[in-house]
C-alpha atoms as a PDB file:
ATOM      1  CA  MET A   1       0.000  -0.002   0.005  1.00  0.00           C
ATOM      2  CA  SER A   2       1.383   3.387  -1.059  1.00  0.00           C
ATOM      3  CA  LYS A   3       1.596   5.876   1.842  1.00  0.00           C
ATOM      4  CA  LEU A   4       2.911   9.444   1.863  1.00  0.00           C
ATOM      5  CA  LEU A   5       3.144  11.767   4.850  1.00  0.00           C
ATOM      6  CA  ILE A   6       3.753  15.484   4.349  1.00  0.00           C
ATOM      7  CA  LYS A   7       4.876  17.044   7.662  1.00  0.00           C
ATOM      8  CA  ASN A   8       5.287  20.569   8.982  1.00  0.00           C
ATOM      9  CA  VAL A   9       3.495  22.149   6.035  1.00  0.00           C
ATOM     10  CA  LYS A  10       1.149  25.154   5.943  1.00  0.00           C
ATOM     11  CA  ILE A  11      -2.220  23.703   4.847  1.00  0.00           C
ATOM     12  CA  ILE A  12      -4.683  26.087   3.194  1.00  0.00           C
ATOM     13  CA  ASP A  13      -8.066  25.419   1.660  1.00  0.00           C
ATOM     14  CA  SER A  14     -11.540  26.949   1.805  1.00  0.00           C
ATOM     15  CA  SER A  15     -12.047  25.969   5.461  1.00  0.00           C
ATOM     16  CA  MET A  16      -8.599  25.868   7.105  1.00  0.00           C
ATOM     17  CA  ASN A  17      -5.254  27.659   7.349  1.00  0.00           C
ATOM     18  CA  PHE A  18      -2.844  26.037   9.753  1.00  0.00           C
ATOM     19  CA  LYS A  19       0.524  24.287  10.054  1.00  0.00           C
ATOM     20  CA  GLY A  20       0.346  20.514  10.316  1.00  0.00           C
ATOM     21  CA  ASP A  21       0.604  17.121   8.662  1.00  0.00           C
ATOM     22  CA  LEU A  22      -1.287  15.384   5.849  1.00  0.00           C
ATOM     23  CA  LEU A  23      -1.359  11.642   5.206  1.00  0.00           C
ATOM     24  CA  ILE A  24      -2.071  10.174   1.748  1.00  0.00           C
ATOM     25  CA  GLU A  25      -2.873   6.458   1.348  1.00  0.00           C
ATOM     26  CA  ASN A  26      -3.362   4.871  -2.083  1.00  0.00           C
ATOM     27  CA  GLY A  27      -3.651   8.296  -3.737  1.00  0.00           C
ATOM     28  CA  LYS A  28      -6.285   9.646  -1.356  1.00  0.00           C
ATOM     29  CA  ILE A  29      -6.031  11.972   1.639  1.00  0.00           C
ATOM     30  CA  SER A  30      -6.779   9.848   4.702  1.00  0.00           C
ATOM     31  CA  LYS A  31      -5.899  12.178   7.564  1.00  0.00           C
ATOM     32  CA  ILE A  32      -5.095  15.798   8.312  1.00  0.00           C
ATOM     33  CA  ASP A  33      -3.848  16.701  11.799  1.00  0.00           C
ATOM     34  CA  SER A  34      -1.510  18.991  13.666  1.00  0.00           C
ATOM     35  CA  ASN A  35       0.907  16.098  14.294  1.00  0.00           C
ATOM     36  CA  ILE A  36       0.711  12.642  12.732  1.00  0.00           C
ATOM     37  CA  ASN A  37       3.111  10.142  14.310  1.00  0.00           C
ATOM     38  CA  PRO A  38       5.030   8.354  11.514  1.00  0.00           C
ATOM     39  CA  THR A  39       6.196   5.511  13.747  1.00  0.00           C
ATOM     40  CA  ASP A  40       2.646   4.066  13.763  1.00  0.00           C
ATOM     41  CA  ILE A  41       2.542   3.698   9.969  1.00  0.00           C
ATOM     42  CA  GLU A  42       4.325   1.016   7.949  1.00  0.00           C
ATOM     43  CA  GLY A  43       5.792   1.519   4.458  1.00  0.00           C
ATOM     44  CA  LEU A  44       5.724   5.276   4.749  1.00  0.00           C
ATOM     45  CA  LYS A  45       7.480   7.929   2.663  1.00  0.00           C
ATOM     46  CA  ILE A  46       7.908  11.231   4.459  1.00  0.00           C
ATOM     47  CA  ILE A  47       8.225  14.690   2.870  1.00  0.00           C
ATOM     48  CA  ASP A  48       9.278  17.672   4.987  1.00  0.00           C
ATOM     49  CA  GLY A  49       6.937  20.560   4.103  1.00  0.00           C
ATOM     50  CA  LYS A  50       8.808  23.186   6.101  1.00  0.00           C
ATOM     51  CA  ASN A  51       8.486  26.687   4.527  1.00  0.00           C
ATOM     52  CA  LYS A  52       6.037  25.316   1.958  1.00  0.00           C
ATOM     53  CA  ILE A  53       2.290  25.695   1.399  1.00  0.00           C
ATOM     54  CA  LEU A  54      -0.007  22.805   0.525  1.00  0.00           C
ATOM     55  CA  MET A  55      -3.232  23.715  -1.288  1.00  0.00           C
ATOM     56  CA  PRO A  56      -5.902  22.011  -3.419  1.00  0.00           C
ATOM     57  CA  ALA A  57      -5.254  22.051  -7.153  1.00  0.00           C
ATOM     58  CA  PHE A  58      -6.332  25.179  -9.068  1.00  0.00           C
ATOM     59  CA  ILE A  59      -8.953  25.870 -11.757  1.00  0.00           C
ATOM     60  CA  ASP A  60      -8.088  28.072 -14.749  1.00  0.00           C
ATOM     61  CA  LEU A  61     -11.399  29.597 -15.800  1.00  0.00           C
ATOM     62  CA  HIS A  62      -9.957  31.328 -18.880  1.00  0.00           C
ATOM     63  CA  THR A  63      -7.518  29.139 -20.838  1.00  0.00           C
ATOM     64  CA  HIS A  64      -6.365  29.299 -24.447  1.00  0.00           C
ATOM     65  CA  LEU A  65      -5.421  25.867 -25.802  1.00  0.00           C
ATOM     66  CA  ARG A  66      -5.887  26.766 -29.527  1.00  0.00           C
ATOM     67  CA  ASP A  67      -6.913  23.227 -30.423  1.00  0.00           C
ATOM     68  CA  PRO A  68      -8.125  22.613 -33.104  1.00  0.00           C
ATOM     69  CA  GLY A  69      -6.589  24.663 -35.871  1.00  0.00           C
ATOM     70  CA  LEU A  70      -4.040  26.923 -34.144  1.00  0.00           C
ATOM     71  CA  THR A  71      -1.839  24.283 -32.593  1.00  0.00           C
ATOM     72  CA  HIS A  72       1.387  26.024 -33.630  1.00  0.00           C
ATOM     73  CA  LYS A  73       0.581  28.296 -30.655  1.00  0.00           C
ATOM     74  CA  GLU A  74      -0.590  25.655 -28.165  1.00  0.00           C
ATOM     75  CA  ASP A  75      -2.509  22.398 -28.142  1.00  0.00           C
ATOM     76  CA  LEU A  76      -4.409  20.234 -25.706  1.00  0.00           C
ATOM     77  CA  GLU A  77      -1.381  18.212 -24.706  1.00  0.00           C
ATOM     78  CA  THR A  78       1.197  21.012 -24.283  1.00  0.00           C
ATOM     79  CA  GLY A  79      -1.281  23.294 -22.515  1.00  0.00           C
ATOM     80  CA  GLN A  80      -2.410  20.646 -20.073  1.00  0.00           C
ATOM     81  CA  LYS A  81       1.157  19.548 -19.244  1.00  0.00           C
ATOM     82  CA  ALA A  82       2.099  23.147 -18.537  1.00  0.00           C
ATOM     83  CA  ALA A  83      -0.994  23.545 -16.378  1.00  0.00           C
ATOM     84  CA  LEU A  84      -0.182  20.475 -14.308  1.00  0.00           C
ATOM     85  CA  LYS A  85       3.348  21.787 -13.701  1.00  0.00           C
ATOM     86  CA  GLY A  86       1.748  24.868 -12.163  1.00  0.00           C
ATOM     87  CA  GLY A  87      -0.770  23.008 -10.013  1.00  0.00           C
ATOM     88  CA  PHE A  88      -3.834  23.470 -12.271  1.00  0.00           C
ATOM     89  CA  THR A  89      -5.981  20.393 -12.834  1.00  0.00           C
ATOM     90  CA  VAL A  90      -9.184  21.924 -14.282  1.00  0.00           C
ATOM     91  CA  LEU A  91      -9.001  23.999 -17.459  1.00  0.00           C
ATOM     92  CA  CYS A  92     -11.744  25.948 -19.248  1.00  0.00           C
ATOM     93  CA  PRO A  93     -10.473  26.486 -22.821  1.00  0.00           C
ATOM     94  CA  MET A  94     -11.965  29.396 -24.741  1.00  0.00           C
ATOM     95  CA  ALA A  95     -13.814  28.848 -28.020  1.00  0.00           C
ATOM     96  CA  ASN A  96     -11.415  30.858 -30.206  1.00  0.00           C
ATOM     97  CA  THR A  97     -10.229  27.807 -32.124  1.00  0.00           C
ATOM     98  CA  LYS A  98     -10.201  27.264 -35.896  1.00  0.00           C
ATOM     99  CA  PRO A  99     -12.930  26.279 -36.577  1.00  0.00           C
ATOM    100  CA  VAL A 100     -14.568  28.013 -33.683  1.00  0.00           C
ATOM    101  CA  CYS A 101     -16.037  25.826 -30.939  1.00  0.00           C
ATOM    102  CA  ASP A 102     -19.658  26.751 -31.651  1.00  0.00           C
ATOM    103  CA  ASN A 103     -20.978  23.321 -32.718  1.00  0.00           C
ATOM    104  CA  GLU A 104     -21.145  19.673 -31.723  1.00  0.00           C
ATOM    105  CA  GLN A 105     -18.352  18.507 -34.063  1.00  0.00           C
ATOM    106  CA  VAL A 106     -15.668  20.780 -32.628  1.00  0.00           C
ATOM    107  CA  MET A 107     -16.862  20.247 -29.063  1.00  0.00           C
ATOM    108  CA  GLU A 108     -16.731  16.461 -29.440  1.00  0.00           C
ATOM    109  CA  TYR A 109     -13.283  16.666 -31.006  1.00  0.00           C
ATOM    110  CA  VAL A 110     -11.942  18.584 -27.998  1.00  0.00           C
ATOM    111  CA  LEU A 111     -13.610  16.451 -25.349  1.00  0.00           C
ATOM    112  CA  SER A 112     -12.606  13.197 -27.079  1.00  0.00           C
ATOM    113  CA  LYS A 113      -8.957  14.239 -27.437  1.00  0.00           C
ATOM    114  CA  ALA A 114      -8.875  15.438 -23.816  1.00  0.00           C
ATOM    115  CA  LYS A 115     -10.309  12.116 -22.641  1.00  0.00           C
ATOM    116  CA  LYS A 116      -7.616  10.166 -24.523  1.00  0.00           C
ATOM    117  CA  LEU A 117      -4.839  12.354 -23.110  1.00  0.00           C
ATOM    118  CA  ASP A 118      -6.258  11.897 -19.568  1.00  0.00           C
ATOM    119  CA  LEU A 119      -4.358  14.838 -18.080  1.00  0.00           C
ATOM    120  CA  CYS A 120      -6.579  17.633 -16.737  1.00  0.00           C
ATOM    121  CA  ASP A 121     -10.332  17.933 -16.407  1.00  0.00           C
ATOM    122  CA  ILE A 122     -11.392  19.939 -19.494  1.00  0.00           C
ATOM    123  CA  LYS A 123     -14.512  22.129 -19.254  1.00  0.00           C
ATOM    124  CA  GLN A 124     -14.683  23.404 -22.826  1.00  0.00           C
ATOM    125  CA  VAL A 125     -16.226  26.839 -23.356  1.00  0.00           C
ATOM    126  CA  CYS A 126     -18.697  27.156 -26.235  1.00  0.00           C
ATOM    127  CA  ALA A 127     -19.141  30.331 -28.296  1.00  0.00           C
ATOM    128  CA  ILE A 128     -22.340  32.331 -27.817  1.00  0.00           C
ATOM    129  CA  THR A 129     -22.566  33.456 -31.444  1.00  0.00           C
ATOM    130  CA  GLU A 130     -21.739  31.683 -34.690  1.00  0.00           C
ATOM    131  CA  ASN A 131     -18.043  31.981 -35.528  1.00  0.00           C
ATOM    132  CA  LEU A 132     -17.640  34.542 -32.700  1.00  0.00           C
ATOM    133  CA  GLU A 133     -19.036  37.169 -35.080  1.00  0.00           C
ATOM    134  CA  GLY A 134     -21.651  38.535 -32.672  1.00  0.00           C
ATOM    135  CA  GLU A 135     -24.497  38.357 -35.209  1.00  0.00           C
ATOM    136  CA  GLU A 136     -26.315  35.008 -34.838  1.00  0.00           C
ATOM    137  CA  ILE A 137     -26.795  33.230 -31.523  1.00  0.00           C
ATOM    138  CA  ILE A 138     -25.949  29.507 -31.638  1.00  0.00           C
ATOM    139  CA  ASP A 139     -28.217  26.654 -30.576  1.00  0.00           C
ATOM    140  CA  ILE A 140     -27.396  27.041 -26.921  1.00  0.00           C
ATOM    141  CA  GLU A 141     -29.937  24.484 -25.758  1.00  0.00           C
ATOM    142  CA  LYS A 142     -28.219  21.792 -27.843  1.00  0.00           C
ATOM    143  CA  MET A 143     -24.697  22.800 -26.752  1.00  0.00           C
ATOM    144  CA  ARG A 144     -25.763  22.977 -23.109  1.00  0.00           C
ATOM    145  CA  THR A 145     -25.620  19.175 -23.035  1.00  0.00           C
ATOM    146  CA  TYR A 146     -21.812  19.494 -23.402  1.00  0.00           C
ATOM    147  CA  THR A 147     -20.911  22.499 -21.268  1.00  0.00           C
ATOM    148  CA  GLU A 148     -22.110  25.028 -18.771  1.00  0.00           C
ATOM    149  CA  LEU A 149     -19.755  27.784 -19.964  1.00  0.00           C
ATOM    150  CA  PHE A 150     -20.562  30.075 -22.924  1.00  0.00           C
ATOM    151  CA  SER A 151     -18.431  33.011 -24.160  1.00  0.00           C
ATOM    152  CA  ASP A 152     -17.429  34.913 -27.259  1.00  0.00           C
ATOM    153  CA  ASP A 153     -14.019  35.279 -25.584  1.00  0.00           C
ATOM    154  CA  GLY A 154     -12.238  38.489 -26.610  1.00  0.00           C
ATOM    155  CA  TYR A 155     -15.145  39.803 -28.672  1.00  0.00           C
ATOM    156  CA  THR A 156     -17.608  42.110 -26.898  1.00  0.00           C
ATOM    157  CA  LEU A 157     -21.251  41.190 -27.413  1.00  0.00           C
ATOM    158  CA  HIS A 158     -22.441  44.569 -28.678  1.00  0.00           C
ATOM    159  CA  ASN A 159     -25.751  43.110 -29.868  1.00  0.00           C
ATOM    160  CA  GLU A 160     -28.030  43.844 -26.892  1.00  0.00           C
ATOM    161  CA  LYS A 161     -30.737  41.405 -27.984  1.00  0.00           C
ATOM    162  CA  ILE A 162     -28.262  38.510 -28.141  1.00  0.00           C
ATOM    163  CA  MET A 163     -26.794  39.459 -24.750  1.00  0.00           C
ATOM    164  CA  ARG A 164     -30.263  39.686 -23.206  1.00  0.00           C
ATOM    165  CA  ASP A 165     -31.296  36.341 -24.750  1.00  0.00           C
ATOM    166  CA  ALA A 166     -28.076  34.672 -23.545  1.00  0.00           C
ATOM    167  CA  LEU A 167     -28.653  35.871 -19.971  1.00  0.00           C
ATOM    168  CA  SER A 168     -32.288  34.800 -20.070  1.00  0.00           C
ATOM    169  CA  LEU A 169     -31.305  31.361 -21.339  1.00  0.00           C
ATOM    170  CA  SER A 170     -28.558  31.072 -18.705  1.00  0.00           C
ATOM    171  CA  LYS A 171     -31.250  31.357 -16.059  1.00  0.00           C
ATOM    172  CA  LYS A 172     -33.520  28.838 -17.763  1.00  0.00           C
ATOM    173  CA  LEU A 173     -30.827  26.283 -18.638  1.00  0.00           C
ATOM    174  CA  ASP A 174     -28.441  26.943 -15.731  1.00  0.00           C
ATOM    175  CA  PHE A 175     -25.187  27.948 -17.457  1.00  0.00           C
ATOM    176  CA  LYS A 176     -22.679  30.803 -17.157  1.00  0.00           C
ATOM    177  CA  VAL A 177     -22.271  33.682 -19.618  1.00  0.00           C
ATOM    178  CA  LEU A 178     -18.588  34.777 -19.624  1.00  0.00           C
ATOM    179  CA  THR A 179     -18.107  38.233 -21.116  1.00  0.00           C
ATOM    180  CA  HIS A 180     -15.346  40.424 -22.507  1.00  0.00           C
ATOM    181  CA  CYS A 181     -16.348  44.063 -22.094  1.00  0.00           C
ATOM    182  CA  GLN A 182     -14.961  46.920 -24.213  1.00  0.00           C
ATOM    183  CA  PRO A 183     -15.347  49.810 -23.647  1.00  0.00           C
ATOM    184  CA  GLU A 184     -15.055  48.285 -20.236  1.00  0.00           C
ATOM    185  CA  PHE A 185     -17.100  50.409 -17.850  1.00  0.00           C
ATOM    186  CA  GLU A 186     -19.941  51.139 -20.281  1.00  0.00           C
ATOM    187  CA  ILE A 187     -20.436  47.471 -21.307  1.00  0.00           C
ATOM    188  CA  VAL A 188     -20.151  46.134 -17.757  1.00  0.00           C
ATOM    189  CA  LYS A 189     -22.750  48.659 -16.616  1.00  0.00           C
ATOM    190  CA  ARG A 190     -25.031  47.674 -19.509  1.00  0.00           C
ATOM    191  CA  ASP A 191     -24.674  43.962 -18.763  1.00  0.00           C
ATOM    192  CA  LEU A 192     -25.322  44.461 -15.034  1.00  0.00           C
ATOM    193  CA  ASN A 193     -28.492  46.376 -15.860  1.00  0.00           C
ATOM    194  CA  MET A 194     -29.602  43.537 -18.146  1.00  0.00           C
ATOM    195  CA  LEU A 195     -28.799  41.042 -15.407  1.00  0.00           C
ATOM    196  CA  LYS A 196     -31.043  42.983 -13.034  1.00  0.00           C
ATOM    197  CA  GLU A 197     -33.757  43.025 -15.658  1.00  0.00           C
ATOM    198  CA  VAL A 198     -33.804  39.387 -16.897  1.00  0.00           C
ATOM    199  CA  GLY A 199     -31.731  37.466 -14.323  1.00  0.00           C
ATOM    200  CA  GLY A 200     -29.196  34.786 -15.209  1.00  0.00           C
ATOM    201  CA  ASN A 201     -25.574  33.903 -14.515  1.00  0.00           C
ATOM    202  CA  LEU A 202     -22.964  36.457 -15.558  1.00  0.00           C
ATOM    203  CA  HIS A 203     -19.175  36.241 -15.180  1.00  0.00           C
ATOM    204  CA  ILE A 204     -17.151  39.265 -16.254  1.00  0.00           C
ATOM    205  CA  CYS A 205     -13.839  37.862 -17.435  1.00  0.00           C
ATOM    206  CA  HIS A 206     -11.406  40.642 -16.769  1.00  0.00           C
ATOM    207  CA  ILE A 207     -11.459  44.273 -15.625  1.00  0.00           C
ATOM    208  CA  SER A 208      -8.827  46.922 -14.994  1.00  0.00           C
ATOM    209  CA  LEU A 209     -10.729  50.027 -13.851  1.00  0.00           C
ATOM    210  CA  LYS A 210     -11.680  50.986 -10.299  1.00  0.00           C
ATOM    211  CA  ASP A 211     -14.995  52.434 -11.532  1.00  0.00           C
ATOM    212  CA  THR A 212     -15.865  49.072 -13.057  1.00  0.00           C
ATOM    213  CA  LEU A 213     -15.064  47.251  -9.815  1.00  0.00           C
ATOM    214  CA  ASP A 214     -17.194  49.744  -7.859  1.00  0.00           C
ATOM    215  CA  GLU A 215     -20.106  49.185 -10.287  1.00  0.00           C
ATOM    216  CA  ILE A 216     -19.846  45.372  -9.857  1.00  0.00           C
ATOM    217  CA  LYS A 217     -19.697  45.675  -6.073  1.00  0.00           C
ATOM    218  CA  LYS A 218     -22.669  48.033  -6.080  1.00  0.00           C
END
């Protein structure tokens, strides 16, 4: 039986932050305590965690793996291996592939390849509009069977009807709308007003202005 004891490490997760020991048996955490006595455990490997922090693996909610079609920049294998090196085990790749991930064929290609590689957990993001062009909304109800994340990535959804429909559907079908907003403050304010009006699940991908942050907090 494989056993690993990490001692004297700072353990941080959503419910704790303390210095102690963590025991892993057969690949699963079996005990967390302030002091686990190694003499009581046979076949044990010990790691000294002094001056180190032990945390759960991370989720990257906004990843670019460029697969299919742009794999000279990155692909599912290289991106996932880099992620694992940095402690990330869940990746959410954006839909800006070539062809765009806005249909079943591309989605199934990504998920099938990811399953064969068996590296990270891949939560593929689907485009909101066809070819990320912001003009025609995709069949979200069909694509919802594959993912709960929808985004036009770096393209702002200027079409207010599409944005309103996407938010309304996100409430009905329980998925997240991930948005890129430019001009930042104006679009974020618009989207928050729509959210108040129709409800739904909105995630604003990235901001850089204090006024925008204040508007979100308000």
